[in-house]
Structures are given as C-alpha cells and as structure tokens.
C-alpha cells in the first residue's frame, strides 16, 4: 500500500487519476481528467474502466463524471 492507502499494483496513470480526484475533491469528466494528467482520452478511459471495475471510483451516468468511490 502507498501513503494514500492504495495498492501498489496500480499503474502510474491509475495513480495519477486517483491523486487528481482526491486533490480536486469533486467529480470530473473524462476530458477534464485527460487534460489534467496530460494523456489521451482513450488511455484515460481504459484506466477509468479498470478503476471503476475495481471499485475505486464511481461514475455518474447523468453527468458523465467520475469521483472517488465512497468507502
């Protein structure tokens, strides 16, 4: 586990996304996340899918935004 309590088997992009969502403290869209981490939306989308399936983030279908999963 890292200092933020996450598993170390997450990829670098996964960690960047989690850190970004933690720091902003608000839901963000795919495009907003991609712009902030400086990666293509396709790569970010794949990482978001993995984080969602792992239960680390949640998704709001209505606003198409992502946020940290509630513990």
PDB file of N, CA and C in Angstrom:
ATOM      1  N   UNK A   1       0.829  -1.185   0.000  1.00  0.00           N
ATOM      2  CA  UNK A   1       0.000   0.000   0.000  1.00  0.00           C
ATOM      3  C   UNK A   1       0.876   1.252   0.000  1.00  0.00           C
ATOM      4  N   UNK A   2       0.363   2.288  -0.638  1.00  0.00           N
ATOM      5  CA  UNK A   2       1.081   3.559  -0.655  1.00  0.00           C
ATOM      6  C   UNK A   2       0.634   4.412   0.511  1.00  0.00           C
ATOM      7  N   UNK A   3       1.183   5.618   0.604  1.00  0.00           N
ATOM      8  CA  UNK A   3       0.816   6.503   1.710  1.00  0.00           C
ATOM      9  C   UNK A   3      -0.661   6.893   1.678  1.00  0.00           C
ATOM     10  N   UNK A   4      -1.300   6.784   0.531  1.00  0.00           N
ATOM     11  CA  UNK A   4      -2.726   7.118   0.448  1.00  0.00           C
ATOM     12  C   UNK A   4      -3.593   5.880   0.642  1.00  0.00           C
ATOM     13  N   UNK A   5      -2.970   4.740   0.967  1.00  0.00           N
ATOM     14  CA  UNK A   5      -3.719   3.536   1.260  1.00  0.00           C
ATOM     15  C   UNK A   5      -4.139   2.735   0.051  1.00  0.00           C
ATOM     16  N   UNK A   6      -3.550   3.020  -1.094  1.00  0.00           N
ATOM     17  CA  UNK A   6      -3.920   2.286  -2.305  1.00  0.00           C
ATOM     18  C   UNK A   6      -2.929   1.162  -2.552  1.00  0.00           C
ATOM     19  N   UNK A   7      -3.353   0.176  -3.289  1.00  0.00           N
ATOM     20  CA  UNK A   7      -2.479  -0.938  -3.633  1.00  0.00           C
ATOM     21  C   UNK A   7      -1.379  -0.466  -4.564  1.00  0.00           C
ATOM     22  N   UNK A   8      -0.194  -1.027  -4.400  1.00  0.00           N
ATOM     23  CA  UNK A   8       0.932  -0.633  -5.235  1.00  0.00           C
ATOM     24  C   UNK A   8       0.880  -1.278  -6.611  1.00  0.00           C
ATOM     25  N   UNK A   9      -0.084  -2.195  -6.861  1.00  0.00           N
ATOM     26  CA  UNK A   9      -0.163  -2.832  -8.168  1.00  0.00           C
ATOM     27  C   UNK A   9      -0.921  -1.974  -9.184  1.00  0.00           C
ATOM     28  N   UNK A  10      -1.318  -0.776  -8.807  1.00  0.00           N
ATOM     29  CA  UNK A  10      -1.953   0.133  -9.742  1.00  0.00           C
ATOM     30  C   UNK A  10      -0.888   0.716 -10.657  1.00  0.00           C
ATOM     31  N   UNK A  11      -1.269   0.991 -11.905  1.00  0.00           N
ATOM     32  CA  UNK A  11      -0.354   1.604 -12.844  1.00  0.00           C
ATOM     33  C   UNK A  11      -0.162   3.081 -12.542  1.00  0.00           C
ATOM     34  N   UNK A  12       0.820   3.662 -13.194  1.00  0.00           N
ATOM     35  CA  UNK A  12       1.131   5.072 -12.968  1.00  0.00           C
ATOM     36  C   UNK A  12      -0.058   5.970 -13.328  1.00  0.00           C
ATOM     37  N   UNK A  13      -0.712   5.696 -14.443  1.00  0.00           N
ATOM     38  CA  UNK A  13      -1.861   6.505 -14.842  1.00  0.00           C
ATOM     39  C   UNK A  13      -3.006   6.345 -13.844  1.00  0.00           C
ATOM     40  N   UNK A  14      -3.223   5.119 -13.369  1.00  0.00           N
ATOM     41  CA  UNK A  14      -4.257   4.888 -12.359  1.00  0.00           C
ATOM     42  C   UNK A  14      -3.989   5.756 -11.128  1.00  0.00           C
ATOM     43  N   UNK A  15      -2.745   5.769 -10.692  1.00  0.00           N
ATOM     44  CA  UNK A  15      -2.375   6.561  -9.519  1.00  0.00           C
ATOM     45  C   UNK A  15      -2.568   8.062  -9.773  1.00  0.00           C
ATOM     46  N   UNK A  16      -2.203   8.513 -10.975  1.00  0.00           N
ATOM     47  CA  UNK A  16      -2.380   9.931 -11.311  1.00  0.00           C
ATOM     48  C   UNK A  16      -3.858  10.311 -11.244  1.00  0.00           C
ATOM     49  N   UNK A  17      -4.710   9.451 -11.777  1.00  0.00           N
ATOM     50  CA  UNK A  17      -6.151   9.722 -11.770  1.00  0.00           C
ATOM     51  C   UNK A  17      -6.684   9.743 -10.342  1.00  0.00           C
ATOM     52  N   UNK A  18      -6.303   8.762  -9.551  1.00  0.00           N
ATOM     53  CA  UNK A  18      -6.762   8.712  -8.157  1.00  0.00           C
ATOM     54  C   UNK A  18      -6.291   9.941  -7.384  1.00  0.00           C
ATOM     55  N   UNK A  19      -5.025  10.318  -7.561  1.00  0.00           N
ATOM     56  CA  UNK A  19      -4.498  11.503  -6.886  1.00  0.00           C
ATOM     57  C   UNK A  19      -5.242  12.764  -7.317  1.00  0.00           C
ATOM     58  N   UNK A  20      -5.520  12.877  -8.614  1.00  0.00           N
ATOM     59  CA  UNK A  20      -6.236  14.040  -9.137  1.00  0.00           C
ATOM     60  C   UNK A  20      -7.633  14.135  -8.525  1.00  0.00           C
ATOM     61  N   UNK A  21      -8.350  13.019  -8.513  1.00  0.00           N
ATOM     62  CA  UNK A  21      -9.708  13.027  -7.951  1.00  0.00           C
ATOM     63  C   UNK A  21      -9.682  13.326  -6.456  1.00  0.00           C
ATOM     64  N   UNK A  22      -8.648  12.850  -5.772  1.00  0.00           N
ATOM     65  CA  UNK A  22      -8.505  13.131  -4.347  1.00  0.00           C
ATOM     66  C   UNK A  22      -8.234  14.617  -4.118  1.00  0.00           C
ATOM     67  N   UNK A  23      -7.330  15.184  -4.902  1.00  0.00           N
ATOM     68  CA  UNK A  23      -6.950  16.591  -4.732  1.00  0.00           C
ATOM     69  C   UNK A  23      -8.083  17.543  -5.090  1.00  0.00           C
ATOM     70  N   UNK A  24      -8.803  17.255  -6.183  1.00  0.00           N
ATOM     71  CA  UNK A  24      -9.871  18.159  -6.587  1.00  0.00           C
ATOM     72  C   UNK A  24     -11.078  18.045  -5.671  1.00  0.00           C
ATOM     73  N   UNK A  25     -11.333  16.837  -5.191  1.00  0.00           N
ATOM     74  CA  UNK A  25     -12.458  16.640  -4.282  1.00  0.00           C
ATOM     75  C   UNK A  25     -13.816  16.815  -4.922  1.00  0.00           C
ATOM     76  N   UNK A  26     -13.847  16.797  -6.258  1.00  0.00           N
ATOM     77  CA  UNK A  26     -15.120  16.946  -6.962  1.00  0.00           C
ATOM     78  C   UNK A  26     -15.142  16.022  -8.167  1.00  0.00           C
ATOM     79  N   UNK A  27     -16.330  15.653  -8.625  1.00  0.00           N
ATOM     80  CA  UNK A  27     -16.421  14.812  -9.821  1.00  0.00           C
ATOM     81  C   UNK A  27     -15.818  15.514 -11.035  1.00  0.00           C
ATOM     82  N   UNK A  28     -15.213  14.725 -11.911  1.00  0.00           N
ATOM     83  CA  UNK A  28     -14.602  15.261 -13.123  1.00  0.00           C
ATOM     84  C   UNK A  28     -14.988  14.411 -14.316  1.00  0.00           C
ATOM     85  N   UNK A  29     -15.073  15.038 -15.475  1.00  0.00           N
ATOM     86  CA  UNK A  29     -15.387  14.311 -16.705  1.00  0.00           C
ATOM     87  C   UNK A  29     -14.124  13.678 -17.275  1.00  0.00           C
ATOM     88  N   UNK A  30     -14.326  12.783 -18.227  1.00  0.00           N
ATOM     89  CA  UNK A  30     -13.206  12.131 -18.911  1.00  0.00           C
ATOM     90  C   UNK A  30     -12.263  13.162 -19.515  1.00  0.00           C
ATOM     91  N   UNK A  31     -12.812  14.137 -20.213  1.00  0.00           N
ATOM     92  CA  UNK A  31     -11.987  15.158 -20.876  1.00  0.00           C
ATOM     93  C   UNK A  31     -11.213  15.978 -19.848  1.00  0.00           C
ATOM     94  N   UNK A  32     -11.863  16.357 -18.751  1.00  0.00           N
ATOM     95  CA  UNK A  32     -11.179  17.121 -17.706  1.00  0.00           C
ATOM     96  C   UNK A  32     -10.012  16.326 -17.121  1.00  0.00           C
ATOM     97  N   UNK A  33     -10.252  15.045 -16.854  1.00  0.00           N
ATOM     98  CA  UNK A  33      -9.199  14.204 -16.294  1.00  0.00           C
ATOM     99  C   UNK A  33      -8.046  14.066 -17.287  1.00  0.00           C
ATOM    100  N   UNK A  34      -8.367  13.783 -18.543  1.00  0.00           N
ATOM    101  CA  UNK A  34      -7.332  13.625 -19.567  1.00  0.00           C
ATOM    102  C   UNK A  34      -6.489  14.891 -19.708  1.00  0.00           C
ATOM    103  N   UNK A  35      -7.135  16.043 -19.695  1.00  0.00           N
ATOM    104  CA  UNK A  35      -6.395  17.311 -19.801  1.00  0.00           C
ATOM    105  C   UNK A  35      -5.468  17.508 -18.611  1.00  0.00           C
ATOM    106  N   UNK A  36      -5.947  17.196 -17.421  1.00  0.00           N
ATOM    107  CA  UNK A  36      -5.156  17.422 -16.213  1.00  0.00           C
ATOM    108  C   UNK A  36      -3.957  16.471 -16.111  1.00  0.00           C
ATOM    109  N   UNK A  37      -4.119  15.220 -16.554  1.00  0.00           N
ATOM    110  CA  UNK A  37      -2.999  14.267 -16.473  1.00  0.00           C
ATOM    111  C   UNK A  37      -2.145  14.270 -17.729  1.00  0.00           C
ATOM    112  N   UNK A  38      -2.603  14.972 -18.766  1.00  0.00           N
ATOM    113  CA  UNK A  38      -1.817  15.095 -19.994  1.00  0.00           C
ATOM    114  C   UNK A  38      -1.727  13.819 -20.814  1.00  0.00           C
ATOM    115  N   UNK A  39      -2.793  13.048 -20.797  1.00  0.00           N
ATOM    116  CA  UNK A  39      -2.832  11.785 -21.538  1.00  0.00           C
ATOM    117  C   UNK A  39      -4.019  11.787 -22.492  1.00  0.00           C
ATOM    118  N   UNK A  40      -3.971  10.956 -23.544  1.00  0.00           N
ATOM    119  CA  UNK A  40      -5.100  10.863 -24.482  1.00  0.00           C
ATOM    120  C   UNK A  40      -6.353  10.319 -23.784  1.00  0.00           C
ATOM    121  N   UNK A  41      -7.517  10.778 -24.244  1.00  0.00           N
ATOM    122  CA  UNK A  41      -8.768  10.342 -23.618  1.00  0.00           C
ATOM    123  C   UNK A  41      -8.935   8.824 -23.696  1.00  0.00           C
ATOM    124  N   UNK A  42      -8.468   8.207 -24.771  1.00  0.00           N
ATOM    125  CA  UNK A  42      -8.597   6.751 -24.906  1.00  0.00           C
ATOM    126  C   UNK A  42      -7.858   6.032 -23.780  1.00  0.00           C
ATOM    127  N   UNK A  43      -6.647   6.464 -23.471  1.00  0.00           N
ATOM    128  CA  UNK A  43      -5.869   5.856 -22.388  1.00  0.00           C
ATOM    129  C   UNK A  43      -6.528   6.091 -21.039  1.00  0.00           C
ATOM    130  N   UNK A  44      -7.003   7.301 -20.834  1.00  0.00           N
ATOM    131  CA  UNK A  44      -7.658   7.638 -19.568  1.00  0.00           C
ATOM    132  C   UNK A  44      -8.950   6.840 -19.412  1.00  0.00           C
ATOM    133  N   UNK A  45      -9.704   6.684 -20.492  1.00  0.00           N
ATOM    134  CA  UNK A  45     -10.943   5.924 -20.428  1.00  0.00           C
ATOM    135  C   UNK A  45     -10.684   4.481 -20.006  1.00  0.00           C
ATOM    136  N   UNK A  46      -9.649   3.867 -20.566  1.00  0.00           N
ATOM    137  CA  UNK A  46      -9.303   2.487 -20.199  1.00  0.00           C
ATOM    138  C   UNK A  46      -8.938   2.398 -18.717  1.00  0.00           C
ATOM    139  N   UNK A  47      -8.168   3.367 -18.240  1.00  0.00           N
ATOM    140  CA  UNK A  47      -7.784   3.382 -16.825  1.00  0.00           C
ATOM    141  C   UNK A  47      -9.016   3.585 -15.941  1.00  0.00           C
ATOM    142  N   UNK A  48      -9.931   4.465 -16.367  1.00  0.00           N
ATOM    143  CA  UNK A  48     -11.153   4.703 -15.602  1.00  0.00           C
ATOM    144  C   UNK A  48     -12.011   3.441 -15.536  1.00  0.00           C
ATOM    145  N   UNK A  49     -12.085   2.709 -16.634  1.00  0.00           N
ATOM    146  CA  UNK A  49     -12.853   1.458 -16.642  1.00  0.00           C
ATOM    147  C   UNK A  49     -12.282   0.477 -15.617  1.00  0.00           C
ATOM    148  N   UNK A  50     -10.958   0.362 -15.573  1.00  0.00           N
ATOM    149  CA  UNK A  50     -10.309  -0.546 -14.624  1.00  0.00           C
ATOM    150  C   UNK A  50     -10.563  -0.095 -13.192  1.00  0.00           C
ATOM    151  N   UNK A  51     -10.385   1.195 -12.926  1.00  0.00           N
ATOM    152  CA  UNK A  51     -10.611   1.713 -11.576  1.00  0.00           C
ATOM    153  C   UNK A  51     -12.062   1.518 -11.145  1.00  0.00           C
ATOM    154  N   UNK A  52     -12.993   1.696 -12.072  1.00  0.00           N
ATOM    155  CA  UNK A  52     -14.411   1.504 -11.774  1.00  0.00           C
ATOM    156  C   UNK A  52     -14.689   0.033 -11.462  1.00  0.00           C
ATOM    157  N   UNK A  53     -14.159  -0.863 -12.278  1.00  0.00           N
ATOM    158  CA  UNK A  53     -14.406  -2.298 -12.053  1.00  0.00           C
ATOM    159  C   UNK A  53     -13.747  -2.784 -10.764  1.00  0.00           C
ATOM    160  N   UNK A  54     -12.676  -2.118 -10.346  1.00  0.00           N
ATOM    161  CA  UNK A  54     -12.009  -2.451  -9.085  1.00  0.00           C
ATOM    162  C   UNK A  54     -12.695  -1.809  -7.881  1.00  0.00           C
ATOM    163  N   UNK A  55     -13.717  -0.985  -8.135  1.00  0.00           N
ATOM    164  CA  UNK A  55     -14.460  -0.345  -7.049  1.00  0.00           C
ATOM    165  C   UNK A  55     -13.768   0.857  -6.437  1.00  0.00           C
ATOM    166  N   UNK A  56     -12.761   1.395  -7.121  1.00  0.00           N
ATOM    167  CA  UNK A  56     -12.012   2.531  -6.579  1.00  0.00           C
ATOM    168  C   UNK A  56     -12.644   3.880  -6.913  1.00  0.00           C
ATOM    169  N   UNK A  57     -13.377   3.943  -8.020  1.00  0.00           N
ATOM    170  CA  UNK A  57     -14.061   5.176  -8.387  1.00  0.00           C
ATOM    171  C   UNK A  57     -15.524   4.866  -8.692  1.00  0.00           C
ATOM    172  N   UNK A  58     -16.335   5.907  -8.680  1.00  0.00           N
ATOM    173  CA  UNK A  58     -17.732   5.755  -9.075  1.00  0.00           C
ATOM    174  C   UNK A  58     -17.992   6.667 -10.268  1.00  0.00           C
ATOM    175  N   UNK A  59     -19.076   6.368 -10.951  1.00  0.00           N
ATOM    176  CA  UNK A  59     -19.411   7.092 -12.168  1.00  0.00           C
ATOM    177  C   UNK A  59     -20.850   7.569 -12.083  1.00  0.00           C
ATOM    178  N   UNK A  60     -21.090   8.810 -12.499  1.00  0.00           N
ATOM    179  CA  UNK A  60     -22.443   9.354 -12.569  1.00  0.00           C
ATOM    180  C   UNK A  60     -22.845   9.386 -14.037  1.00  0.00           C
ATOM    181  N   UNK A  61     -23.764   8.513 -14.405  1.00  0.00           N
ATOM    182  CA  UNK A  61     -24.187   8.398 -15.803  1.00  0.00           C
ATOM    183  C   UNK A  61     -24.829   9.695 -16.286  1.00  0.00           C
ATOM    184  N   UNK A  62     -25.552  10.354 -15.416  1.00  0.00           N
ATOM    185  CA  UNK A  62     -26.260  11.576 -15.798  1.00  0.00           C
ATOM    186  C   UNK A  62     -25.297  12.700 -16.174  1.00  0.00           C
ATOM    187  N   UNK A  63     -24.257  12.885 -15.383  1.00  0.00           N
ATOM    188  CA  UNK A  63     -23.311  13.972 -15.646  1.00  0.00           C
ATOM    189  C   UNK A  63     -22.050  13.501 -16.370  1.00  0.00           C
ATOM    190  N   UNK A  64     -21.936  12.182 -16.571  1.00  0.00           N
ATOM    191  CA  UNK A  64     -20.749  11.590 -17.201  1.00  0.00           C
ATOM    192  C   UNK A  64     -19.469  12.004 -16.487  1.00  0.00           C
ATOM    193  N   UNK A  65     -19.533  11.960 -15.173  1.00  0.00           N
ATOM    194  CA  UNK A  65     -18.368  12.352 -14.371  1.00  0.00           C
ATOM    195  C   UNK A  65     -17.943  11.210 -13.464  1.00  0.00           C
ATOM    196  N   UNK A  66     -16.719  11.306 -13.005  1.00  0.00           N
ATOM    197  CA  UNK A  66     -16.111  10.285 -12.172  1.00  0.00           C
ATOM    198  C   UNK A  66     -15.646  10.910 -10.859  1.00  0.00           C
ATOM    199  N   UNK A  67     -15.729  10.124  -9.791  1.00  0.00           N
ATOM    200  CA  UNK A  67     -15.270  10.577  -8.483  1.00  0.00           C
ATOM    201  C   UNK A  67     -14.766   9.367  -7.710  1.00  0.00           C
ATOM    202  N   UNK A  68     -14.076   9.632  -6.598  1.00  0.00           N
ATOM    203  CA  UNK A  68     -13.605   8.538  -5.762  1.00  0.00           C
ATOM    204  C   UNK A  68     -14.804   7.801  -5.186  1.00  0.00           C
ATOM    205  N   UNK A  69     -14.707   6.488  -5.105  1.00  0.00           N
ATOM    206  CA  UNK A  69     -15.785   5.679  -4.523  1.00  0.00           C
ATOM    207  C   UNK A  69     -15.900   5.984  -3.045  1.00  0.00           C
ATOM    208  N   UNK A  70     -17.106   6.001  -2.546  1.00  0.00           N
ATOM    209  CA  UNK A  70     -17.327   6.218  -1.112  1.00  0.00           C
ATOM    210  C   UNK A  70     -16.969   4.946  -0.368  1.00  0.00           C
ATOM    211  N   UNK A  71     -16.280   5.087   0.727  1.00  0.00           N
ATOM    212  CA  UNK A  71     -15.847   3.910   1.500  1.00  0.00           C
ATOM    213  C   UNK A  71     -16.913   3.486   2.456  1.00  0.00           C
TER     214      UNK A  71
END
